[in-house]
């Protein structure tokens, strides 16, 4: 298939002086009417036009440890990903099989979230039930890393309890597995940054406040040295595997700017969806599924 680089816009965090005294945040619950502060966020974003390269034209092999993401051809046996029982009983075991094959040192895989996304018009007044995993969410358009290091460690303790201390003695990674549920993504593909080109100082932690849990993500501020990639006409058999967290500190690769090192001294892959400049009004709306997993490598000895 012919490679097709594009010029398109991505949405980045726009630094505010306010963040020096107030941590960035976004609230996903109703704010009491009598609350003095009625803001649901203090995040400000801006769009930047840049070149997004097509991985189909790459002459070198991508690596999770070097770039933070890889693509693999893989045909999933599970065809219905809209049924929670089918996803959890059939699809997730397939993803585990893929991760153990493609991720070096994957001794144990623990899934903690999965989501469906669809490019569909927003209906005013609609309230998303984030506890219903079969709810179709819209594409995530701000360049981000799903979990901050603090959120990653907190989630391990929260979900794995007494096992956490022993697991944390080994290597811990958070890996996303993202794939379309249609034959070709032509409207809202996903762009992924080469982790080698991301400076730690350009990633800003933001709290995500929900009713029963407060986590945190990392939003990326733009820098001319950052390089982004996507896969043109990505199909349901083109699986994207990307890294959001890695506890191992000796897997960093040389950065474009030698004066900085990437997030917690390891390579991760900030990412976001973008509107393809050639998308037509009659393009099949994107539908996709993403799975988030802890991948543990047991400690030696």
C-alpha atoms as a PDB file:
ATOM      1  CA  UNK A   1       0.000   0.000   0.000  1.00  0.00           C
ATOM      2  CA  UNK A   2       1.290   3.480  -0.907  1.00  0.00           C
ATOM      3  CA  UNK A   3       2.635   5.589   1.954  1.00  0.00           C
ATOM      4  CA  UNK A   4       0.804   8.866   2.570  1.00  0.00           C
ATOM      5  CA  UNK A   5       2.245  11.538   4.875  1.00  0.00           C
ATOM      6  CA  UNK A   6      -0.189  14.347   5.724  1.00  0.00           C
ATOM      7  CA  UNK A   7      -0.262  17.878   7.087  1.00  0.00           C
ATOM      8  CA  UNK A   8      -2.912  18.016   9.801  1.00  0.00           C
ATOM      9  CA  UNK A   9      -3.632  19.645  13.156  1.00  0.00           C
ATOM     10  CA  UNK A  10      -3.235  18.105  16.582  1.00  0.00           C
ATOM     11  CA  UNK A  11      -4.554  19.527  19.837  1.00  0.00           C
ATOM     12  CA  UNK A  12      -1.857  20.230  22.460  1.00  0.00           C
ATOM     13  CA  UNK A  13      -1.936  21.608  25.975  1.00  0.00           C
ATOM     14  CA  UNK A  14      -1.371  25.371  25.996  1.00  0.00           C
ATOM     15  CA  UNK A  15       0.638  26.374  29.073  1.00  0.00           C
ATOM     16  CA  UNK A  16      -1.028  28.849  31.444  1.00  0.00           C
ATOM     17  CA  UNK A  17       0.684  30.800  34.216  1.00  0.00           C
ATOM     18  CA  UNK A  18      -2.149  29.534  36.415  1.00  0.00           C
ATOM     19  CA  UNK A  19      -0.554  26.086  36.401  1.00  0.00           C
ATOM     20  CA  UNK A  20       2.310  27.434  38.528  1.00  0.00           C
ATOM     21  CA  UNK A  21      -0.094  27.663  41.480  1.00  0.00           C
ATOM     22  CA  UNK A  22      -2.998  25.391  40.485  1.00  0.00           C
ATOM     23  CA  UNK A  23      -2.650  21.880  39.141  1.00  0.00           C
ATOM     24  CA  UNK A  24      -4.380  21.252  35.795  1.00  0.00           C
ATOM     25  CA  UNK A  25      -7.647  19.367  36.283  1.00  0.00           C
ATOM     26  CA  UNK A  26     -10.792  18.107  34.630  1.00  0.00           C
ATOM     27  CA  UNK A  27     -13.938  17.118  36.557  1.00  0.00           C
ATOM     28  CA  UNK A  28     -16.267  14.451  35.160  1.00  0.00           C
ATOM     29  CA  UNK A  29     -19.050  14.700  37.748  1.00  0.00           C
ATOM     30  CA  UNK A  30     -21.777  17.266  38.346  1.00  0.00           C
ATOM     31  CA  UNK A  31     -20.549  20.195  40.420  1.00  0.00           C
ATOM     32  CA  UNK A  32     -22.863  21.138  43.323  1.00  0.00           C
ATOM     33  CA  UNK A  33     -24.864  24.265  42.556  1.00  0.00           C
ATOM     34  CA  UNK A  34     -23.729  25.921  45.779  1.00  0.00           C
ATOM     35  CA  UNK A  35     -20.022  25.321  45.080  1.00  0.00           C
ATOM     36  CA  UNK A  36     -18.070  28.569  44.920  1.00  0.00           C
ATOM     37  CA  UNK A  37     -15.955  27.322  42.007  1.00  0.00           C
ATOM     38  CA  UNK A  38     -18.149  26.133  39.134  1.00  0.00           C
ATOM     39  CA  UNK A  39     -15.300  25.288  36.763  1.00  0.00           C
ATOM     40  CA  UNK A  40     -15.144  21.744  35.482  1.00  0.00           C
ATOM     41  CA  UNK A  41     -11.635  22.262  34.053  1.00  0.00           C
ATOM     42  CA  UNK A  42      -8.756  24.715  33.837  1.00  0.00           C
ATOM     43  CA  UNK A  43      -7.232  23.024  30.807  1.00  0.00           C
ATOM     44  CA  UNK A  44      -6.523  25.146  27.733  1.00  0.00           C
ATOM     45  CA  UNK A  45      -5.610  23.565  24.401  1.00  0.00           C
ATOM     46  CA  UNK A  46      -4.357  24.882  21.084  1.00  0.00           C
ATOM     47  CA  UNK A  47      -4.156  23.363  17.628  1.00  0.00           C
ATOM     48  CA  UNK A  48      -0.843  23.029  15.840  1.00  0.00           C
ATOM     49  CA  UNK A  49      -0.454  22.082  12.175  1.00  0.00           C
ATOM     50  CA  UNK A  50       2.360  19.644  11.573  1.00  0.00           C
ATOM     51  CA  UNK A  51       3.517  16.766   9.440  1.00  0.00           C
ATOM     52  CA  UNK A  52       2.230  13.336  10.434  1.00  0.00           C
ATOM     53  CA  UNK A  53       4.227  10.595   8.751  1.00  0.00           C
ATOM     54  CA  UNK A  54       2.706   7.376   7.469  1.00  0.00           C
ATOM     55  CA  UNK A  55       4.331   4.313   9.035  1.00  0.00           C
ATOM     56  CA  UNK A  56       3.709   2.433   5.796  1.00  0.00           C
ATOM     57  CA  UNK A  57       6.637   4.364   4.375  1.00  0.00           C
ATOM     58  CA  UNK A  58       9.113   3.598   7.159  1.00  0.00           C
ATOM     59  CA  UNK A  59      12.235   1.710   6.204  1.00  0.00           C
ATOM     60  CA  UNK A  60      13.202   0.871   9.790  1.00  0.00           C
ATOM     61  CA  UNK A  61      11.456  -1.392  12.291  1.00  0.00           C
ATOM     62  CA  UNK A  62       9.616   0.269  15.179  1.00  0.00           C
ATOM     63  CA  UNK A  63      10.195  -0.881  18.754  1.00  0.00           C
ATOM     64  CA  UNK A  64       8.293  -0.407  22.011  1.00  0.00           C
ATOM     65  CA  UNK A  65      11.511   0.360  23.881  1.00  0.00           C
ATOM     66  CA  UNK A  66      12.965   2.623  21.196  1.00  0.00           C
ATOM     67  CA  UNK A  67       9.873   4.427  19.861  1.00  0.00           C
ATOM     68  CA  UNK A  68       7.115   3.591  22.346  1.00  0.00           C
ATOM     69  CA  UNK A  69       4.818   1.941  19.798  1.00  0.00           C
ATOM     70  CA  UNK A  70       4.580  -0.761  17.153  1.00  0.00           C
ATOM     71  CA  UNK A  71       2.028  -1.983  14.605  1.00  0.00           C
ATOM     72  CA  UNK A  72       1.327  -5.659  14.048  1.00  0.00           C
ATOM     73  CA  UNK A  73      -0.805  -7.598  11.583  1.00  0.00           C
ATOM     74  CA  UNK A  74      -3.116  -9.774  13.662  1.00  0.00           C
ATOM     75  CA  UNK A  75      -6.530 -11.227  12.908  1.00  0.00           C
ATOM     76  CA  UNK A  76      -8.752 -11.373  15.972  1.00  0.00           C
ATOM     77  CA  UNK A  77     -11.174 -14.273  16.240  1.00  0.00           C
ATOM     78  CA  UNK A  78     -13.696 -12.284  18.302  1.00  0.00           C
ATOM     79  CA  UNK A  79     -15.974 -10.377  15.930  1.00  0.00           C
ATOM     80  CA  UNK A  80     -18.482  -8.770  18.316  1.00  0.00           C
ATOM     81  CA  UNK A  81     -16.781  -6.214  20.555  1.00  0.00           C
ATOM     82  CA  UNK A  82     -20.014  -4.463  21.536  1.00  0.00           C
ATOM     83  CA  UNK A  83     -20.997  -7.198  23.979  1.00  0.00           C
ATOM     84  CA  UNK A  84     -19.248  -6.958  27.338  1.00  0.00           C
ATOM     85  CA  UNK A  85     -19.323 -10.709  27.934  1.00  0.00           C
ATOM     86  CA  UNK A  86     -17.773 -11.447  24.528  1.00  0.00           C
ATOM     87  CA  UNK A  87     -15.032  -8.862  25.097  1.00  0.00           C
ATOM     88  CA  UNK A  88     -14.101 -10.073  28.554  1.00  0.00           C
ATOM     89  CA  UNK A  89     -14.368 -13.801  27.888  1.00  0.00           C
ATOM     90  CA  UNK A  90     -13.058 -13.975  24.312  1.00  0.00           C
ATOM     91  CA  UNK A  91     -11.417 -10.757  23.128  1.00  0.00           C
ATOM     92  CA  UNK A  92      -9.222 -10.031  26.161  1.00  0.00           C
ATOM     93  CA  UNK A  93      -7.658 -13.528  26.130  1.00  0.00           C
ATOM     94  CA  UNK A  94      -6.761 -12.923  22.468  1.00  0.00           C
ATOM     95  CA  UNK A  95      -5.146  -9.607  23.376  1.00  0.00           C
ATOM     96  CA  UNK A  96      -3.222 -11.307  26.170  1.00  0.00           C
ATOM     97  CA  UNK A  97      -1.955 -13.864  23.671  1.00  0.00           C
ATOM     98  CA  UNK A  98      -0.806 -11.047  21.378  1.00  0.00           C
ATOM     99  CA  UNK A  99       0.916  -9.122  24.175  1.00  0.00           C
ATOM    100  CA  UNK A 100       2.797 -12.172  25.423  1.00  0.00           C
ATOM    101  CA  UNK A 101       4.000 -12.742  21.884  1.00  0.00           C
ATOM    102  CA  UNK A 102       5.009  -9.159  21.082  1.00  0.00           C
ATOM    103  CA  UNK A 103       6.122  -7.650  24.416  1.00  0.00           C
ATOM    104  CA  UNK A 104       9.466  -8.891  25.658  1.00  0.00           C
ATOM    105  CA  UNK A 105       9.384 -10.307  29.176  1.00  0.00           C
ATOM    106  CA  UNK A 106       5.583 -10.344  29.501  1.00  0.00           C
ATOM    107  CA  UNK A 107       5.167 -12.789  32.380  1.00  0.00           C
ATOM    108  CA  UNK A 108       1.723 -11.595  33.419  1.00  0.00           C
ATOM    109  CA  UNK A 109      -0.948  -9.434  31.787  1.00  0.00           C
ATOM    110  CA  UNK A 110      -3.607  -7.719  33.912  1.00  0.00           C
ATOM    111  CA  UNK A 111      -6.383  -5.822  32.114  1.00  0.00           C
ATOM    112  CA  UNK A 112      -7.797  -2.840  33.984  1.00  0.00           C
ATOM    113  CA  UNK A 113      -9.859  -1.056  31.324  1.00  0.00           C
ATOM    114  CA  UNK A 114     -11.228  -1.250  27.797  1.00  0.00           C
ATOM    115  CA  UNK A 115     -13.221   1.275  25.779  1.00  0.00           C
ATOM    116  CA  UNK A 116     -15.173   1.596  22.543  1.00  0.00           C
ATOM    117  CA  UNK A 117     -14.925   4.762  20.460  1.00  0.00           C
ATOM    118  CA  UNK A 118     -16.936   6.035  17.519  1.00  0.00           C
ATOM    119  CA  UNK A 119     -16.856   9.155  15.403  1.00  0.00           C
ATOM    120  CA  UNK A 120     -20.487  10.157  15.890  1.00  0.00           C
ATOM    121  CA  UNK A 121     -22.157  13.554  16.364  1.00  0.00           C
ATOM    122  CA  UNK A 122     -22.469  14.753  19.943  1.00  0.00           C
ATOM    123  CA  UNK A 123     -26.051  14.934  21.176  1.00  0.00           C
ATOM    124  CA  UNK A 124     -26.599  17.944  23.382  1.00  0.00           C
ATOM    125  CA  UNK A 125     -27.568  17.031  26.924  1.00  0.00           C
ATOM    126  CA  UNK A 126     -26.313  13.455  26.667  1.00  0.00           C
ATOM    127  CA  UNK A 127     -24.507  12.272  29.802  1.00  0.00           C
ATOM    128  CA  UNK A 128     -21.954   9.528  29.251  1.00  0.00           C
ATOM    129  CA  UNK A 129     -22.035   6.636  31.701  1.00  0.00           C
ATOM    130  CA  UNK A 130     -18.317   6.001  32.147  1.00  0.00           C
ATOM    131  CA  UNK A 131     -19.073   2.893  34.213  1.00  0.00           C
ATOM    132  CA  UNK A 132     -20.728   1.257  31.187  1.00  0.00           C
ATOM    133  CA  UNK A 133     -17.824  -0.093  29.153  1.00  0.00           C
ATOM    134  CA  UNK A 134     -20.067  -0.620  26.124  1.00  0.00           C
ATOM    135  CA  UNK A 135     -20.798   3.115  25.860  1.00  0.00           C
ATOM    136  CA  UNK A 136     -19.383   4.521  22.622  1.00  0.00           C
ATOM    137  CA  UNK A 137     -17.039   7.406  23.420  1.00  0.00           C
ATOM    138  CA  UNK A 138     -15.867   9.970  20.890  1.00  0.00           C
ATOM    139  CA  UNK A 139     -12.243   9.920  19.664  1.00  0.00           C
ATOM    140  CA  UNK A 140      -9.764  11.452  22.142  1.00  0.00           C
ATOM    141  CA  UNK A 141      -8.412  14.538  20.368  1.00  0.00           C
ATOM    142  CA  UNK A 142      -5.881  16.017  22.840  1.00  0.00           C
ATOM    143  CA  UNK A 143      -2.337  14.625  22.729  1.00  0.00           C
ATOM    144  CA  UNK A 144      -1.872  12.699  25.962  1.00  0.00           C
ATOM    145  CA  UNK A 145      -0.382   9.773  27.856  1.00  0.00           C
ATOM    146  CA  UNK A 146      -3.187   7.839  29.521  1.00  0.00           C
ATOM    147  CA  UNK A 147      -1.667   7.530  32.990  1.00  0.00           C
ATOM    148  CA  UNK A 148       0.904   9.622  34.809  1.00  0.00           C
ATOM    149  CA  UNK A 149       3.570   7.673  36.731  1.00  0.00           C
ATOM    150  CA  UNK A 150       1.829   8.479  40.037  1.00  0.00           C
ATOM    151  CA  UNK A 151      -1.529   7.300  38.689  1.00  0.00           C
ATOM    152  CA  UNK A 152       0.026   4.107  37.350  1.00  0.00           C
ATOM    153  CA  UNK A 153       1.531   3.186  40.714  1.00  0.00           C
ATOM    154  CA  UNK A 154      -1.652   4.119  42.563  1.00  0.00           C
ATOM    155  CA  UNK A 155      -3.744   1.921  40.281  1.00  0.00           C
ATOM    156  CA  UNK A 156      -1.441  -1.058  40.842  1.00  0.00           C
ATOM    157  CA  UNK A 157      -1.888  -0.764  44.608  1.00  0.00           C
ATOM    158  CA  UNK A 158      -5.633  -0.197  44.223  1.00  0.00           C
ATOM    159  CA  UNK A 159      -6.333  -3.133  41.931  1.00  0.00           C
ATOM    160  CA  UNK A 160      -3.693  -5.663  42.900  1.00  0.00           C
ATOM    161  CA  UNK A 161      -3.597  -5.087  46.648  1.00  0.00           C
ATOM    162  CA  UNK A 162      -1.241  -7.404  48.492  1.00  0.00           C
ATOM    163  CA  UNK A 163       0.397  -8.520  45.242  1.00  0.00           C
ATOM    164  CA  UNK A 164       1.536  -4.987  44.425  1.00  0.00           C
ATOM    165  CA  UNK A 165       4.800  -4.828  46.443  1.00  0.00           C
ATOM    166  CA  UNK A 166       6.164  -8.015  44.864  1.00  0.00           C
ATOM    167  CA  UNK A 167       5.058  -7.040  41.335  1.00  0.00           C
ATOM    168  CA  UNK A 168       6.655  -3.612  41.723  1.00  0.00           C
ATOM    169  CA  UNK A 169       9.993  -5.278  42.375  1.00  0.00           C
ATOM    170  CA  UNK A 170       9.969  -6.320  38.726  1.00  0.00           C
ATOM    171  CA  UNK A 171       9.299  -4.352  35.561  1.00  0.00           C
ATOM    172  CA  UNK A 172       5.869  -2.768  35.145  1.00  0.00           C
ATOM    173  CA  UNK A 173       4.503  -1.439  31.860  1.00  0.00           C
ATOM    174  CA  UNK A 174       1.128  -0.047  30.854  1.00  0.00           C
ATOM    175  CA  UNK A 175       0.403  -1.093  27.291  1.00  0.00           C
ATOM    176  CA  UNK A 176      -2.560  -0.078  25.128  1.00  0.00           C
ATOM    177  CA  UNK A 177      -3.804  -2.271  22.312  1.00  0.00           C
ATOM    178  CA  UNK A 178      -5.810  -0.201  19.807  1.00  0.00           C
ATOM    179  CA  UNK A 179      -7.498  -1.395  16.650  1.00  0.00           C
ATOM    180  CA  UNK A 180     -10.338  -0.372  14.334  1.00  0.00           C
ATOM    181  CA  UNK A 181     -13.608  -2.268  14.176  1.00  0.00           C
ATOM    182  CA  UNK A 182     -14.111  -1.271  10.536  1.00  0.00           C
ATOM    183  CA  UNK A 183     -12.267  -2.173   7.339  1.00  0.00           C
ATOM    184  CA  UNK A 184     -10.492   1.182   6.892  1.00  0.00           C
ATOM    185  CA  UNK A 185     -10.107   4.295   9.056  1.00  0.00           C
ATOM    186  CA  UNK A 186     -10.422   7.261   6.705  1.00  0.00           C
ATOM    187  CA  UNK A 187     -11.794  10.041   8.933  1.00  0.00           C
ATOM    188  CA  UNK A 188     -10.247  10.072  12.434  1.00  0.00           C
ATOM    189  CA  UNK A 189      -7.035   7.992  12.573  1.00  0.00           C
ATOM    190  CA  UNK A 190      -4.813   7.964  15.630  1.00  0.00           C
ATOM    191  CA  UNK A 191      -1.467   9.786  15.635  1.00  0.00           C
ATOM    192  CA  UNK A 192       1.353   8.541  17.866  1.00  0.00           C
ATOM    193  CA  UNK A 193       4.540  10.369  18.743  1.00  0.00           C
ATOM    194  CA  UNK A 194       7.975   8.841  18.503  1.00  0.00           C
ATOM    195  CA  UNK A 195       8.856   8.700  22.198  1.00  0.00           C
ATOM    196  CA  UNK A 196      12.483   9.595  21.474  1.00  0.00           C
ATOM    197  CA  UNK A 197      11.377  13.083  20.422  1.00  0.00           C
ATOM    198  CA  UNK A 198       9.318  13.868  23.544  1.00  0.00           C
ATOM    199  CA  UNK A 199      10.940  15.911  26.317  1.00  0.00           C
ATOM    200  CA  UNK A 200       9.912  15.195  29.863  1.00  0.00           C
ATOM    201  CA  UNK A 201       9.386  18.913  30.506  1.00  0.00           C
ATOM    202  CA  UNK A 202       6.702  19.044  27.792  1.00  0.00           C
ATOM    203  CA  UNK A 203       4.460  16.525  29.573  1.00  0.00           C
ATOM    204  CA  UNK A 204       2.151  18.079  32.172  1.00  0.00           C
ATOM    205  CA  UNK A 205       0.206  16.041  34.722  1.00  0.00           C
ATOM    206  CA  UNK A 206      -3.525  16.750  35.048  1.00  0.00           C
ATOM    207  CA  UNK A 207      -6.025  15.297  37.516  1.00  0.00           C
ATOM    208  CA  UNK A 208      -9.117  13.544  36.186  1.00  0.00           C
ATOM    209  CA  UNK A 209     -11.773  13.665  38.887  1.00  0.00           C
ATOM    210  CA  UNK A 210     -14.557  11.079  38.752  1.00  0.00           C
ATOM    211  CA  UNK A 211     -17.178  10.143  41.313  1.00  0.00           C
ATOM    212  CA  UNK A 212     -15.352   7.156  42.774  1.00  0.00           C
ATOM    213  CA  UNK A 213     -11.788   7.685  41.591  1.00  0.00           C
ATOM    214  CA  UNK A 214      -9.314  10.457  40.892  1.00  0.00           C
ATOM    215  CA  UNK A 215      -6.601   9.571  38.430  1.00  0.00           C
ATOM    216  CA  UNK A 216      -4.181  11.645  36.436  1.00  0.00           C
ATOM    217  CA  UNK A 217      -3.050  11.781  32.843  1.00  0.00           C
ATOM    218  CA  UNK A 218      -0.222  13.604  31.066  1.00  0.00           C
ATOM    219  CA  UNK A 219      -0.930  16.180  28.360  1.00  0.00           C
ATOM    220  CA  UNK A 220       1.725  17.134  25.857  1.00  0.00           C
ATOM    221  CA  UNK A 221       2.782  20.679  24.986  1.00  0.00           C
ATOM    222  CA  UNK A 222       4.046  21.162  21.422  1.00  0.00           C
ATOM    223  CA  UNK A 223       7.696  21.286  20.442  1.00  0.00           C
ATOM    224  CA  UNK A 224       9.133  21.478  16.901  1.00  0.00           C
ATOM    225  CA  UNK A 225      11.325  18.438  17.528  1.00  0.00           C
ATOM    226  CA  UNK A 226       8.371  16.110  18.137  1.00  0.00           C
ATOM    227  CA  UNK A 227       7.641  13.601  15.394  1.00  0.00           C
ATOM    228  CA  UNK A 228       4.241  11.980  14.868  1.00  0.00           C
ATOM    229  CA  UNK A 229       3.148   8.935  12.900  1.00  0.00           C
ATOM    230  CA  UNK A 230      -0.069   7.233  11.863  1.00  0.00           C
ATOM    231  CA  UNK A 231      -1.096   4.325   9.640  1.00  0.00           C
ATOM    232  CA  UNK A 232      -3.015   5.253   6.511  1.00  0.00           C
ATOM    233  CA  UNK A 233      -6.213   3.263   5.966  1.00  0.00           C
ATOM    234  CA  UNK A 234      -5.644   1.267   9.135  1.00  0.00           C
ATOM    235  CA  UNK A 235      -7.802  -1.860   9.081  1.00  0.00           C
ATOM    236  CA  UNK A 236      -9.214  -4.094  11.775  1.00  0.00           C
ATOM    237  CA  UNK A 237      -6.195  -6.385  11.284  1.00  0.00           C
ATOM    238  CA  UNK A 238      -3.672  -3.548  11.805  1.00  0.00           C
ATOM    239  CA  UNK A 239      -3.149  -3.532  15.555  1.00  0.00           C
ATOM    240  CA  UNK A 240      -1.441  -0.612  17.290  1.00  0.00           C
ATOM    241  CA  UNK A 241       0.446  -1.460  20.493  1.00  0.00           C
ATOM    242  CA  UNK A 242       1.676   1.563  22.445  1.00  0.00           C
ATOM    243  CA  UNK A 243       3.335   2.182  25.797  1.00  0.00           C
ATOM    244  CA  UNK A 244       1.989   4.598  28.420  1.00  0.00           C
ATOM    245  CA  UNK A 245       4.241   3.741  31.355  1.00  0.00           C
ATOM    246  CA  UNK A 246       7.433   1.813  32.019  1.00  0.00           C
ATOM    247  CA  UNK A 247       9.163   1.406  35.370  1.00  0.00           C
ATOM    248  CA  UNK A 248      12.431   0.289  33.810  1.00  0.00           C
ATOM    249  CA  UNK A 249      14.840   3.202  33.539  1.00  0.00           C
ATOM    250  CA  UNK A 250      17.535   1.775  31.287  1.00  0.00           C
ATOM    251  CA  UNK A 251      15.495   1.503  28.087  1.00  0.00           C
ATOM    252  CA  UNK A 252      15.682   5.147  27.043  1.00  0.00           C
ATOM    253  CA  UNK A 253      16.834   5.907  23.513  1.00  0.00           C
ATOM    254  CA  UNK A 254      18.771   8.975  22.314  1.00  0.00           C
ATOM    255  CA  UNK A 255      16.516  12.019  22.040  1.00  0.00           C
ATOM    256  CA  UNK A 256      16.641  14.698  19.378  1.00  0.00           C
ATOM    257  CA  UNK A 257      17.527  17.118  22.171  1.00  0.00           C
ATOM    258  CA  UNK A 258      20.308  15.475  24.179  1.00  0.00           C
ATOM    259  CA  UNK A 259      19.727  17.876  27.060  1.00  0.00           C
ATOM    260  CA  UNK A 260      16.448  16.269  28.059  1.00  0.00           C
ATOM    261  CA  UNK A 261      15.270  12.776  28.845  1.00  0.00           C
ATOM    262  CA  UNK A 262      11.820  11.375  28.316  1.00  0.00           C
ATOM    263  CA  UNK A 263       9.100  10.689  30.884  1.00  0.00           C
ATOM    264  CA  UNK A 264      10.568   9.082  34.032  1.00  0.00           C
ATOM    265  CA  UNK A 265      13.664   8.320  31.944  1.00  0.00           C
ATOM    266  CA  UNK A 266      11.833   5.869  29.688  1.00  0.00           C
ATOM    267  CA  UNK A 267      10.134   5.943  26.313  1.00  0.00           C
ATOM    268  CA  UNK A 268       6.347   6.377  26.187  1.00  0.00           C
ATOM    269  CA  UNK A 269       4.073   7.363  23.301  1.00  0.00           C
ATOM    270  CA  UNK A 270       1.756  10.397  23.622  1.00  0.00           C
ATOM    271  CA  UNK A 271      -1.100  10.058  21.150  1.00  0.00           C
ATOM    272  CA  UNK A 272      -4.378  11.565  19.897  1.00  0.00           C
ATOM    273  CA  UNK A 273      -6.918  11.241  17.123  1.00  0.00           C
ATOM    274  CA  UNK A 274      -6.939  13.763  14.296  1.00  0.00           C
ATOM    275  CA  UNK A 275      -9.193  14.656  11.395  1.00  0.00           C
ATOM    276  CA  UNK A 276      -7.597  13.352   8.218  1.00  0.00           C
ATOM    277  CA  UNK A 277      -7.366  16.199   5.690  1.00  0.00           C
ATOM    278  CA  UNK A 278      -8.755  13.959   2.932  1.00  0.00           C
ATOM    279  CA  UNK A 279     -11.745  12.710   4.930  1.00  0.00           C
ATOM    280  CA  UNK A 280     -14.968  12.950   2.953  1.00  0.00           C
ATOM    281  CA  UNK A 281     -18.489  13.521   4.239  1.00  0.00           C
ATOM    282  CA  UNK A 282     -19.501   9.981   3.286  1.00  0.00           C
ATOM    283  CA  UNK A 283     -16.496   8.269   4.900  1.00  0.00           C
ATOM    284  CA  UNK A 284     -17.413   5.344   7.117  1.00  0.00           C
ATOM    285  CA  UNK A 285     -17.331   6.690  10.711  1.00  0.00           C
ATOM    286  CA  UNK A 286     -14.446   5.307  12.683  1.00  0.00           C
ATOM    287  CA  UNK A 287     -15.218   2.658  15.254  1.00  0.00           C
ATOM    288  CA  UNK A 288     -12.436   1.274  17.432  1.00  0.00           C
ATOM    289  CA  UNK A 289     -11.673  -0.630  20.593  1.00  0.00           C
ATOM    290  CA  UNK A 290      -8.785   0.014  22.958  1.00  0.00           C
ATOM    291  CA  UNK A 291      -7.595  -2.192  25.783  1.00  0.00           C
ATOM    292  CA  UNK A 292      -5.384  -1.047  28.649  1.00  0.00           C
ATOM    293  CA  UNK A 293      -3.210  -3.557  30.448  1.00  0.00           C
ATOM    294  CA  UNK A 294      -0.489  -3.847  33.019  1.00  0.00           C
ATOM    295  CA  UNK A 295       2.303  -6.013  31.676  1.00  0.00           C
ATOM    296  CA  UNK A 296       4.485  -7.387  34.468  1.00  0.00           C
ATOM    297  CA  UNK A 297       7.943  -8.889  34.235  1.00  0.00           C
ATOM    298  CA  UNK A 298       8.655 -10.840  37.396  1.00  0.00           C
ATOM    299  CA  UNK A 299      11.701  -9.803  39.445  1.00  0.00           C
ATOM    300  CA  UNK A 300      14.757 -11.996  39.207  1.00  0.00           C
ATOM    301  CA  UNK A 301      15.623 -14.031  42.235  1.00  0.00           C
END
